Amino acid sequence: MINVNEYFEGAVKSLAYTTAEGRSTIGVIEKGEYEFGTSSHETMTIIEGQMEALLPGEQNWQTFTAGQSFEVEANTSFKVKTNVQSSYLCKYR
């Protein structure tokens, strides 16, 4: 089953699905800055475009481009911002 998720008044949209490897979402994020909370460990891979992330416990934003990933532990929050429409794959464990 594929579920559609929409956040921040439609500025972030994703499709959620489950495979033998686990739960994932693939999505698109519009230009802007957003804060997300986590309920499980997340690995986010940028597919297209670029994102800056402010990860838990960090003081500085880090830039991630297509093919690069970052991880966020469960029960935390993180911020992302982008100047271009970007796509991502997020895997949960």
PDB file of N, CA and C in Angstrom:
ATOM      1  N   MET A   1       0.850  -1.177   0.000  1.00  0.00           N
ATOM      2  CA  MET A   1       0.000   0.000   0.000  1.00  0.00           C
ATOM      3  C   MET A   1       0.895   1.240   0.000  1.00  0.00           C
ATOM      4  N   ILE A   2       0.559   2.192  -0.834  1.00  0.00           N
ATOM      5  CA  ILE A   2       1.279   3.464  -0.895  1.00  0.00           C
ATOM      6  C   ILE A   2       0.426   4.513  -0.202  1.00  0.00           C
ATOM      7  N   ASN A   3       1.032   5.248   0.738  1.00  0.00           N
ATOM      8  CA  ASN A   3       0.343   6.322   1.429  1.00  0.00           C
ATOM      9  C   ASN A   3       0.931   7.659   1.004  1.00  0.00           C
ATOM     10  N   VAL A   4       0.070   8.661   0.852  1.00  0.00           N
ATOM     11  CA  VAL A   4       0.493   9.999   0.470  1.00  0.00           C
ATOM     12  C   VAL A   4       0.570  10.854   1.733  1.00  0.00           C
ATOM     13  N   ASN A   5       1.717  11.538   1.917  1.00  0.00           N
ATOM     14  CA  ASN A   5       1.917  12.439   3.051  1.00  0.00           C
ATOM     15  C   ASN A   5       2.094  13.860   2.528  1.00  0.00           C
ATOM     16  N   GLU A   6       1.545  14.815   3.258  1.00  0.00           N
ATOM     17  CA  GLU A   6       1.684  16.222   2.882  1.00  0.00           C
ATOM     18  C   GLU A   6       1.932  17.030   4.148  1.00  0.00           C
ATOM     19  N   TYR A   7       2.962  17.885   4.106  1.00  0.00           N
ATOM     20  CA  TYR A   7       3.345  18.687   5.265  1.00  0.00           C
ATOM     21  C   TYR A   7       3.522  20.143   4.852  1.00  0.00           C
ATOM     22  N   PHE A   8       3.466  21.028   5.838  1.00  0.00           N
ATOM     23  CA  PHE A   8       3.748  22.445   5.632  1.00  0.00           C
ATOM     24  C   PHE A   8       2.934  23.015   4.466  1.00  0.00           C
ATOM     25  N   GLU A   9       1.614  22.813   4.555  1.00  0.00           N
ATOM     26  CA  GLU A   9       0.659  23.341   3.580  1.00  0.00           C
ATOM     27  C   GLU A   9       1.012  22.937   2.153  1.00  0.00           C
ATOM     28  N   GLY A  10       1.499  21.699   1.993  1.00  0.00           N
ATOM     29  CA  GLY A  10       1.787  21.158   0.671  1.00  0.00           C
ATOM     30  C   GLY A  10       3.179  21.438   0.149  1.00  0.00           C
ATOM     31  N   ALA A  11       4.024  22.111   0.934  1.00  0.00           N
ATOM     32  CA  ALA A  11       5.383  22.425   0.485  1.00  0.00           C
ATOM     33  C   ALA A  11       6.297  21.200   0.514  1.00  0.00           C
ATOM     34  N   VAL A  12       5.913  20.184   1.279  1.00  0.00           N
ATOM     35  CA  VAL A  12       6.645  18.917   1.322  1.00  0.00           C
ATOM     36  C   VAL A  12       5.624  17.807   1.107  1.00  0.00           C
ATOM     37  N   LYS A  13       5.871  16.974   0.094  1.00  0.00           N
ATOM     38  CA  LYS A  13       4.969  15.856  -0.193  1.00  0.00           C
ATOM     39  C   LYS A  13       5.796  14.604  -0.388  1.00  0.00           C
ATOM     40  N   SER A  14       5.266  13.482   0.105  1.00  0.00           N
ATOM     41  CA  SER A  14       5.990  12.225  -0.059  1.00  0.00           C
ATOM     42  C   SER A  14       5.030  11.060  -0.228  1.00  0.00           C
ATOM     43  N   LEU A  15       5.573   9.981  -0.779  1.00  0.00           N
ATOM     44  CA  LEU A  15       4.868   8.717  -0.903  1.00  0.00           C
ATOM     45  C   LEU A  15       5.549   7.732   0.033  1.00  0.00           C
ATOM     46  N   ALA A  16       4.776   7.119   0.918  1.00  0.00           N
ATOM     47  CA  ALA A  16       5.308   6.161   1.890  1.00  0.00           C
ATOM     48  C   ALA A  16       4.988   4.750   1.432  1.00  0.00           C
ATOM     49  N   TYR A  17       5.956   3.853   1.599  1.00  0.00           N
ATOM     50  CA  TYR A  17       5.768   2.465   1.189  1.00  0.00           C
ATOM     51  C   TYR A  17       6.626   1.562   2.057  1.00  0.00           C
ATOM     52  N   THR A  18       6.340   0.273   2.023  1.00  0.00           N
ATOM     53  CA  THR A  18       7.083  -0.717   2.801  1.00  0.00           C
ATOM     54  C   THR A  18       7.543  -1.834   1.880  1.00  0.00           C
ATOM     55  N   THR A  19       8.809  -2.210   2.008  1.00  0.00           N
ATOM     56  CA  THR A  19       9.372  -3.323   1.249  1.00  0.00           C
ATOM     57  C   THR A  19       9.929  -4.336   2.244  1.00  0.00           C
ATOM     58  N   ALA A  20      10.554  -5.371   1.738  1.00  0.00           N
ATOM     59  CA  ALA A  20      11.191  -6.368   2.602  1.00  0.00           C
ATOM     60  C   ALA A  20      12.303  -5.735   3.435  1.00  0.00           C
ATOM     61  N   GLU A  21      12.863  -4.621   2.950  1.00  0.00           N
ATOM     62  CA  GLU A  21      13.931  -3.918   3.672  1.00  0.00           C
ATOM     63  C   GLU A  21      13.404  -3.002   4.761  1.00  0.00           C
ATOM     64  N   GLY A  22      12.118  -2.660   4.730  1.00  0.00           N
ATOM     65  CA  GLY A  22      11.540  -1.789   5.751  1.00  0.00           C
ATOM     66  C   GLY A  22      10.738  -0.645   5.152  1.00  0.00           C
ATOM     67  N   ARG A  23      10.431   0.341   5.998  1.00  0.00           N
ATOM     68  CA  ARG A  23       9.624   1.492   5.595  1.00  0.00           C
ATOM     69  C   ARG A  23      10.495   2.571   4.949  1.00  0.00           C
ATOM     70  N   SER A  24       9.927   3.233   3.944  1.00  0.00           N
ATOM     71  CA  SER A  24      10.618   4.323   3.255  1.00  0.00           C
ATOM     72  C   SER A  24       9.609   5.358   2.794  1.00  0.00           C
ATOM     73  N   THR A  25      10.104   6.559   2.515  1.00  0.00           N
ATOM     74  CA  THR A  25       9.323   7.576   1.818  1.00  0.00           C
ATOM     75  C   THR A  25      10.205   8.177   0.738  1.00  0.00           C
ATOM     76  N   ILE A  26       9.579   8.577  -0.336  1.00  0.00           N
ATOM     77  CA  ILE A  26      10.273   9.307  -1.390  1.00  0.00           C
ATOM     78  C   ILE A  26       9.478  10.586  -1.593  1.00  0.00           C
ATOM     79  N   GLY A  27      10.163  11.732  -1.569  1.00  0.00           N
ATOM     80  CA  GLY A  27       9.417  12.973  -1.585  1.00  0.00           C
ATOM     81  C   GLY A  27      10.102  14.110  -2.289  1.00  0.00           C
ATOM     82  N   VAL A  28       9.362  15.220  -2.338  1.00  0.00           N
ATOM     83  CA  VAL A  28       9.829  16.460  -2.944  1.00  0.00           C
ATOM     84  C   VAL A  28       9.588  17.580  -1.938  1.00  0.00           C
ATOM     85  N   ILE A  29      10.574  18.462  -1.849  1.00  0.00           N
ATOM     86  CA  ILE A  29      10.489  19.578  -0.919  1.00  0.00           C
ATOM     87  C   ILE A  29      10.682  20.882  -1.688  1.00  0.00           C
ATOM     88  N   GLU A  30       9.783  21.830  -1.465  1.00  0.00           N
ATOM     89  CA  GLU A  30       9.877  23.143  -2.113  1.00  0.00           C
ATOM     90  C   GLU A  30      10.923  24.000  -1.412  1.00  0.00           C
ATOM     91  N   LYS A  31      11.313  25.093  -2.062  1.00  0.00           N
ATOM     92  CA  LYS A  31      12.234  26.045  -1.443  1.00  0.00           C
ATOM     93  C   LYS A  31      11.667  26.484  -0.096  1.00  0.00           C
ATOM     94  N   GLY A  32      12.535  26.559   0.928  1.00  0.00           N
ATOM     95  CA  GLY A  32      12.103  27.003   2.242  1.00  0.00           C
ATOM     96  C   GLY A  32      12.886  26.316   3.340  1.00  0.00           C
ATOM     97  N   GLU A  33      12.458  26.563   4.589  1.00  0.00           N
ATOM     98  CA  GLU A  33      13.083  25.963   5.768  1.00  0.00           C
ATOM     99  C   GLU A  33      12.007  25.247   6.577  1.00  0.00           C
ATOM    100  N   TYR A  34      12.329  24.015   7.020  1.00  0.00           N
ATOM    101  CA  TYR A  34      11.343  23.159   7.678  1.00  0.00           C
ATOM    102  C   TYR A  34      11.991  22.416   8.845  1.00  0.00           C
ATOM    103  N   GLU A  35      11.188  22.113   9.860  1.00  0.00           N
ATOM    104  CA  GLU A  35      11.669  21.314  10.987  1.00  0.00           C
ATOM    105  C   GLU A  35      10.831  20.050  11.088  1.00  0.00           C
ATOM    106  N   PHE A  36      11.508  18.919  11.211  1.00  0.00           N
ATOM    107  CA  PHE A  36      10.855  17.613  11.288  1.00  0.00           C
ATOM    108  C   PHE A  36      11.215  16.932  12.605  1.00  0.00           C
ATOM    109  N   GLY A  37      10.269  16.194  13.167  1.00  0.00           N
ATOM    110  CA  GLY A  37      10.517  15.346  14.323  1.00  0.00           C
ATOM    111  C   GLY A  37      10.630  13.902  13.855  1.00  0.00           C
ATOM    112  N   THR A  38      11.362  13.097  14.606  1.00  0.00           N
ATOM    113  CA  THR A  38      11.528  11.693  14.235  1.00  0.00           C
ATOM    114  C   THR A  38      10.949  10.790  15.313  1.00  0.00           C
ATOM    115  N   SER A  39      10.372   9.680  14.885  1.00  0.00           N
ATOM    116  CA  SER A  39       9.914   8.668  15.842  1.00  0.00           C
ATOM    117  C   SER A  39      10.757   7.403  15.712  1.00  0.00           C
ATOM    118  N   SER A  40      11.534   7.315  14.634  1.00  0.00           N
ATOM    119  CA  SER A  40      12.462   6.202  14.445  1.00  0.00           C
ATOM    120  C   SER A  40      13.718   6.748  13.762  1.00  0.00           C
ATOM    121  N   HIS A  41      14.766   5.938  13.741  1.00  0.00           N
ATOM    122  CA  HIS A  41      16.011   6.331  13.078  1.00  0.00           C
ATOM    123  C   HIS A  41      15.729   6.577  11.599  1.00  0.00           C
ATOM    124  N   GLU A  42      16.273   7.659  11.025  1.00  0.00           N
ATOM    125  CA  GLU A  42      16.050   7.990   9.630  1.00  0.00           C
ATOM    126  C   GLU A  42      17.378   8.177   8.903  1.00  0.00           C
ATOM    127  N   THR A  43      17.438   7.657   7.694  1.00  0.00           N
ATOM    128  CA  THR A  43      18.550   7.938   6.792  1.00  0.00           C
ATOM    129  C   THR A  43      17.961   8.632   5.583  1.00  0.00           C
ATOM    130  N   MET A  44      18.352   9.884   5.375  1.00  0.00           N
ATOM    131  CA  MET A  44      17.810  10.666   4.278  1.00  0.00           C
ATOM    132  C   MET A  44      18.880  10.829   3.201  1.00  0.00           C
ATOM    133  N   THR A  45      18.532  10.434   1.970  1.00  0.00           N
ATOM    134  CA  THR A  45      19.432  10.543   0.828  1.00  0.00           C
ATOM    135  C   THR A  45      18.841  11.550  -0.156  1.00  0.00           C
ATOM    136  N   ILE A  46      19.652  12.504  -0.563  1.00  0.00           N
ATOM    137  CA  ILE A  46      19.211  13.490  -1.540  1.00  0.00           C
ATOM    138  C   ILE A  46      19.268  12.839  -2.926  1.00  0.00           C
ATOM    139  N   ILE A  47      18.174  12.914  -3.653  1.00  0.00           N
ATOM    140  CA  ILE A  47      18.104  12.340  -4.995  1.00  0.00           C
ATOM    141  C   ILE A  47      18.454  13.396  -6.036  1.00  0.00           C
ATOM    142  N   GLU A  48      17.861  14.561  -5.886  1.00  0.00           N
ATOM    143  CA  GLU A  48      18.067  15.638  -6.850  1.00  0.00           C
ATOM    144  C   GLU A  48      18.004  16.961  -6.104  1.00  0.00           C
ATOM    145  N   GLY A  49      18.813  17.914  -6.508  1.00  0.00           N
ATOM    146  CA  GLY A  49      18.834  19.208  -5.850  1.00  0.00           C
ATOM    147  C   GLY A  49      19.859  19.241  -4.739  1.00  0.00           C
ATOM    148  N   GLN A  50      19.552  19.999  -3.711  1.00  0.00           N
ATOM    149  CA  GLN A  50      20.484  20.206  -2.602  1.00  0.00           C
ATOM    150  C   GLN A  50      19.703  20.595  -1.363  1.00  0.00           C
ATOM    151  N   MET A  51      20.149  20.133  -0.200  1.00  0.00           N
ATOM    152  CA  MET A  51      19.542  20.512   1.070  1.00  0.00           C
ATOM    153  C   MET A  51      20.620  20.845   2.072  1.00  0.00           C
ATOM    154  N   GLU A  52      20.315  21.796   2.912  1.00  0.00           N
ATOM    155  CA  GLU A  52      21.147  22.044   4.078  1.00  0.00           C
ATOM    156  C   GLU A  52      20.403  21.461   5.263  1.00  0.00           C
ATOM    157  N   ALA A  53      21.143  20.850   6.186  1.00  0.00           N
ATOM    158  CA  ALA A  53      20.520  20.243   7.360  1.00  0.00           C
ATOM    159  C   ALA A  53      21.204  20.736   8.619  1.00  0.00           C
ATOM    160  N   LEU A  54      20.400  21.032   9.626  1.00  0.00           N
ATOM    161  CA  LEU A  54      20.893  21.333  10.959  1.00  0.00           C
ATOM    162  C   LEU A  54      20.496  20.140  11.813  1.00  0.00           C
ATOM    163  N   LEU A  55      21.478  19.288  12.069  1.00  0.00           N
ATOM    164  CA  LEU A  55      21.224  18.019  12.745  1.00  0.00           C
ATOM    165  C   LEU A  55      21.259  18.183  14.263  1.00  0.00           C
ATOM    166  N   PRO A  56      20.612  17.281  14.996  1.00  0.00           N
ATOM    167  CA  PRO A  56      20.563  17.384  16.459  1.00  0.00           C
ATOM    168  C   PRO A  56      21.949  17.505  17.068  1.00  0.00           C
ATOM    169  N   GLY A  57      22.096  18.455  17.976  1.00  0.00           N
ATOM    170  CA  GLY A  57      23.355  18.653  18.686  1.00  0.00           C
ATOM    171  C   GLY A  57      24.407  19.424  17.909  1.00  0.00           C
ATOM    172  N   GLU A  58      24.116  19.781  16.671  1.00  0.00           N
ATOM    173  CA  GLU A  58      25.079  20.512  15.844  1.00  0.00           C
ATOM    174  C   GLU A  58      24.787  22.009  15.885  1.00  0.00           C
ATOM    175  N   GLN A  59      25.824  22.801  15.693  1.00  0.00           N
ATOM    176  CA  GLN A  59      25.696  24.259  15.673  1.00  0.00           C
ATOM    177  C   GLN A  59      25.645  24.800  14.243  1.00  0.00           C
ATOM    178  N   ASN A  60      26.226  24.048  13.305  1.00  0.00           N
ATOM    179  CA  ASN A  60      26.368  24.526  11.937  1.00  0.00           C
ATOM    180  C   ASN A  60      25.544  23.696  10.962  1.00  0.00           C
ATOM    181  N   TRP A  61      25.006  24.373   9.968  1.00  0.00           N
ATOM    182  CA  TRP A  61      24.289  23.717   8.886  1.00  0.00           C
ATOM    183  C   TRP A  61      25.289  22.973   8.007  1.00  0.00           C
ATOM    184  N   GLN A  62      24.892  21.803   7.502  1.00  0.00           N
ATOM    185  CA  GLN A  62      25.712  21.027   6.576  1.00  0.00           C
ATOM    186  C   GLN A  62      24.957  20.923   5.249  1.00  0.00           C
ATOM    187  N   THR A  63      25.692  20.994   4.140  1.00  0.00           N
ATOM    188  CA  THR A  63      25.088  20.925   2.814  1.00  0.00           C
ATOM    189  C   THR A  63      25.210  19.512   2.251  1.00  0.00           C
ATOM    190  N   PHE A  64      24.103  19.019   1.708  1.00  0.00           N
ATOM    191  CA  PHE A  64      24.053  17.689   1.100  1.00  0.00           C
ATOM    192  C   PHE A  64      23.511  17.830  -0.319  1.00  0.00           C
ATOM    193  N   THR A  65      24.182  17.176  -1.267  1.00  0.00           N
ATOM    194  CA  THR A  65      23.773  17.224  -2.668  1.00  0.00           C
ATOM    195  C   THR A  65      23.395  15.822  -3.131  1.00  0.00           C
ATOM    196  N   ALA A  66      22.971  15.713  -4.387  1.00  0.00           N
ATOM    197  CA  ALA A  66      22.506  14.447  -4.940  1.00  0.00           C
ATOM    198  C   ALA A  66      23.493  13.318  -4.666  1.00  0.00           C
ATOM    199  N   GLY A  67      22.955  12.215  -4.106  1.00  0.00           N
ATOM    200  CA  GLY A  67      23.761  11.046  -3.786  1.00  0.00           C
ATOM    201  C   GLY A  67      24.301  11.027  -2.372  1.00  0.00           C
ATOM    202  N   GLN A  68      24.238  12.149  -1.676  1.00  0.00           N
ATOM    203  CA  GLN A  68      24.727  12.204  -0.297  1.00  0.00           C
ATOM    204  C   GLN A  68      23.586  11.940   0.685  1.00  0.00           C
ATOM    205  N   SER A  69      23.961  11.424   1.874  1.00  0.00           N
ATOM    206  CA  SER A  69      22.975  11.060   2.899  1.00  0.00           C
ATOM    207  C   SER A  69      23.360  11.630   4.250  1.00  0.00           C
ATOM    208  N   PHE A  70      22.361  11.741   5.122  1.00  0.00           N
ATOM    209  CA  PHE A  70      22.614  12.029   6.538  1.00  0.00           C
ATOM    210  C   PHE A  70      21.651  11.191   7.367  1.00  0.00           C
ATOM    211  N   GLU A  71      22.028  10.978   8.636  1.00  0.00           N
ATOM    212  CA  GLU A  71      21.225  10.154   9.534  1.00  0.00           C
ATOM    213  C   GLU A  71      20.778  10.965  10.734  1.00  0.00           C
ATOM    214  N   VAL A  72      19.589  10.630  11.218  1.00  0.00           N
ATOM    215  CA  VAL A  72      19.021  11.279  12.396  1.00  0.00           C
ATOM    216  C   VAL A  72      18.466  10.190  13.300  1.00  0.00           C
ATOM    217  N   GLU A  73      18.809  10.241  14.569  1.00  0.00           N
ATOM    218  CA  GLU A  73      18.335   9.249  15.532  1.00  0.00           C
ATOM    219  C   GLU A  73      16.849   9.447  15.835  1.00  0.00           C
ATOM    220  N   ALA A  74      16.241   8.427  16.387  1.00  0.00           N
ATOM    221  CA  ALA A  74      14.829   8.466  16.784  1.00  0.00           C
ATOM    222  C   ALA A  74      14.597   9.466  17.910  1.00  0.00           C
ATOM    223  N   ASN A  75      13.391   9.995  17.955  1.00  0.00           N
ATOM    224  CA  ASN A  75      12.923  10.877  19.030  1.00  0.00           C
ATOM    225  C   ASN A  75      13.747  12.150  19.160  1.00  0.00           C
ATOM    226  N   THR A  76      14.114  12.713  18.021  1.00  0.00           N
ATOM    227  CA  THR A  76      14.808  14.003  17.980  1.00  0.00           C
ATOM    228  C   THR A  76      14.124  14.851  16.913  1.00  0.00           C
ATOM    229  N   SER A  77      14.689  15.998  16.638  1.00  0.00           N
ATOM    230  CA  SER A  77      14.192  16.824  15.539  1.00  0.00           C
ATOM    231  C   SER A  77      15.383  17.401  14.787  1.00  0.00           C
ATOM    232  N   PHE A  78      15.135  17.762  13.554  1.00  0.00           N
ATOM    233  CA  PHE A  78      16.176  18.355  12.732  1.00  0.00           C
ATOM    234  C   PHE A  78      15.530  19.351  11.779  1.00  0.00           C
ATOM    235  N   LYS A  79      16.345  20.277  11.266  1.00  0.00           N
ATOM    236  CA  LYS A  79      15.859  21.270  10.319  1.00  0.00           C
ATOM    237  C   LYS A  79      16.516  21.050   8.974  1.00  0.00           C
ATOM    238  N   VAL A  80      15.773  21.330   7.917  1.00  0.00           N
ATOM    239  CA  VAL A  80      16.332  21.338   6.568  1.00  0.00           C
ATOM    240  C   VAL A  80      15.895  22.627   5.885  1.00  0.00           C
ATOM    241  N   LYS A  81      16.739  23.085   4.974  1.00  0.00           N
ATOM    242  CA  LYS A  81      16.362  24.220   4.138  1.00  0.00           C
ATOM    243  C   LYS A  81      16.956  24.010   2.760  1.00  0.00           C
ATOM    244  N   THR A  82      16.276  24.565   1.776  1.00  0.00           N
ATOM    245  CA  THR A  82      16.727  24.427   0.399  1.00  0.00           C
ATOM    246  C   THR A  82      16.351  25.676  -0.382  1.00  0.00           C
ATOM    247  N   ASN A  83      17.184  25.998  -1.353  1.00  0.00           N
ATOM    248  CA  ASN A  83      16.920  27.139  -2.229  1.00  0.00           C
ATOM    249  C   ASN A  83      16.376  26.696  -3.581  1.00  0.00           C
ATOM    250  N   VAL A  84      16.319  25.381  -3.787  1.00  0.00           N
ATOM    251  CA  VAL A  84      15.788  24.821  -5.029  1.00  0.00           C
ATOM    252  C   VAL A  84      14.882  23.649  -4.677  1.00  0.00           C
ATOM    253  N   GLN A  85      13.893  23.395  -5.501  1.00  0.00           N
ATOM    254  CA  GLN A  85      13.048  22.227  -5.293  1.00  0.00           C
ATOM    255  C   GLN A  85      13.944  20.990  -5.334  1.00  0.00           C
ATOM    256  N   SER A  86      13.822  20.124  -4.329  1.00  0.00           N
ATOM    257  CA  SER A  86      14.713  18.968  -4.203  1.00  0.00           C
ATOM    258  C   SER A  86      13.913  17.717  -3.883  1.00  0.00           C
ATOM    259  N   SER A  87      14.479  16.559  -4.225  1.00  0.00           N
ATOM    260  CA  SER A  87      13.822  15.293  -3.915  1.00  0.00           C
ATOM    261  C   SER A  87      14.725  14.455  -3.018  1.00  0.00           C
ATOM    262  N   TYR A  88      14.093  13.531  -2.275  1.00  0.00           N
ATOM    263  CA  TYR A  88      14.824  12.736  -1.301  1.00  0.00           C
ATOM    264  C   TYR A  88      14.194  11.360  -1.140  1.00  0.00           C
ATOM    265  N   LEU A  89      15.001  10.447  -0.614  1.00  0.00           N
ATOM    266  CA  LEU A  89      14.555   9.123  -0.190  1.00  0.00           C
ATOM    267  C   LEU A  89      14.882   9.025   1.288  1.00  0.00           C
ATOM    268  N   CYS A  90      13.881   8.705   2.105  1.00  0.00           N
ATOM    269  CA  CYS A  90      14.095   8.564   3.542  1.00  0.00           C
ATOM    270  C   CYS A  90      13.779   7.126   3.942  1.00  0.00           C
ATOM    271  N   LYS A  91      14.747   6.453   4.560  1.00  0.00           N
ATOM    272  CA  LYS A  91      14.556   5.085   5.041  1.00  0.00           C
ATOM    273  C   LYS A  91      14.490   5.109   6.566  1.00  0.00           C
ATOM    274  N   TYR A  92      13.551   4.352   7.107  1.00  0.00           N
ATOM    275  CA  TYR A  92      13.312   4.296   8.551  1.00  0.00           C
ATOM    276  C   TYR A  92      13.709   2.939   9.098  1.00  0.00           C
ATOM    277  N   ARG A  93      14.277   2.950  10.299  1.00  0.00           N
ATOM    278  CA  ARG A  93      14.551   1.673  10.969  1.00  0.00           C
ATOM    279  C   ARG A  93      14.385   1.811  12.458  1.00  0.00           C
TER     280      ARG A  93
END
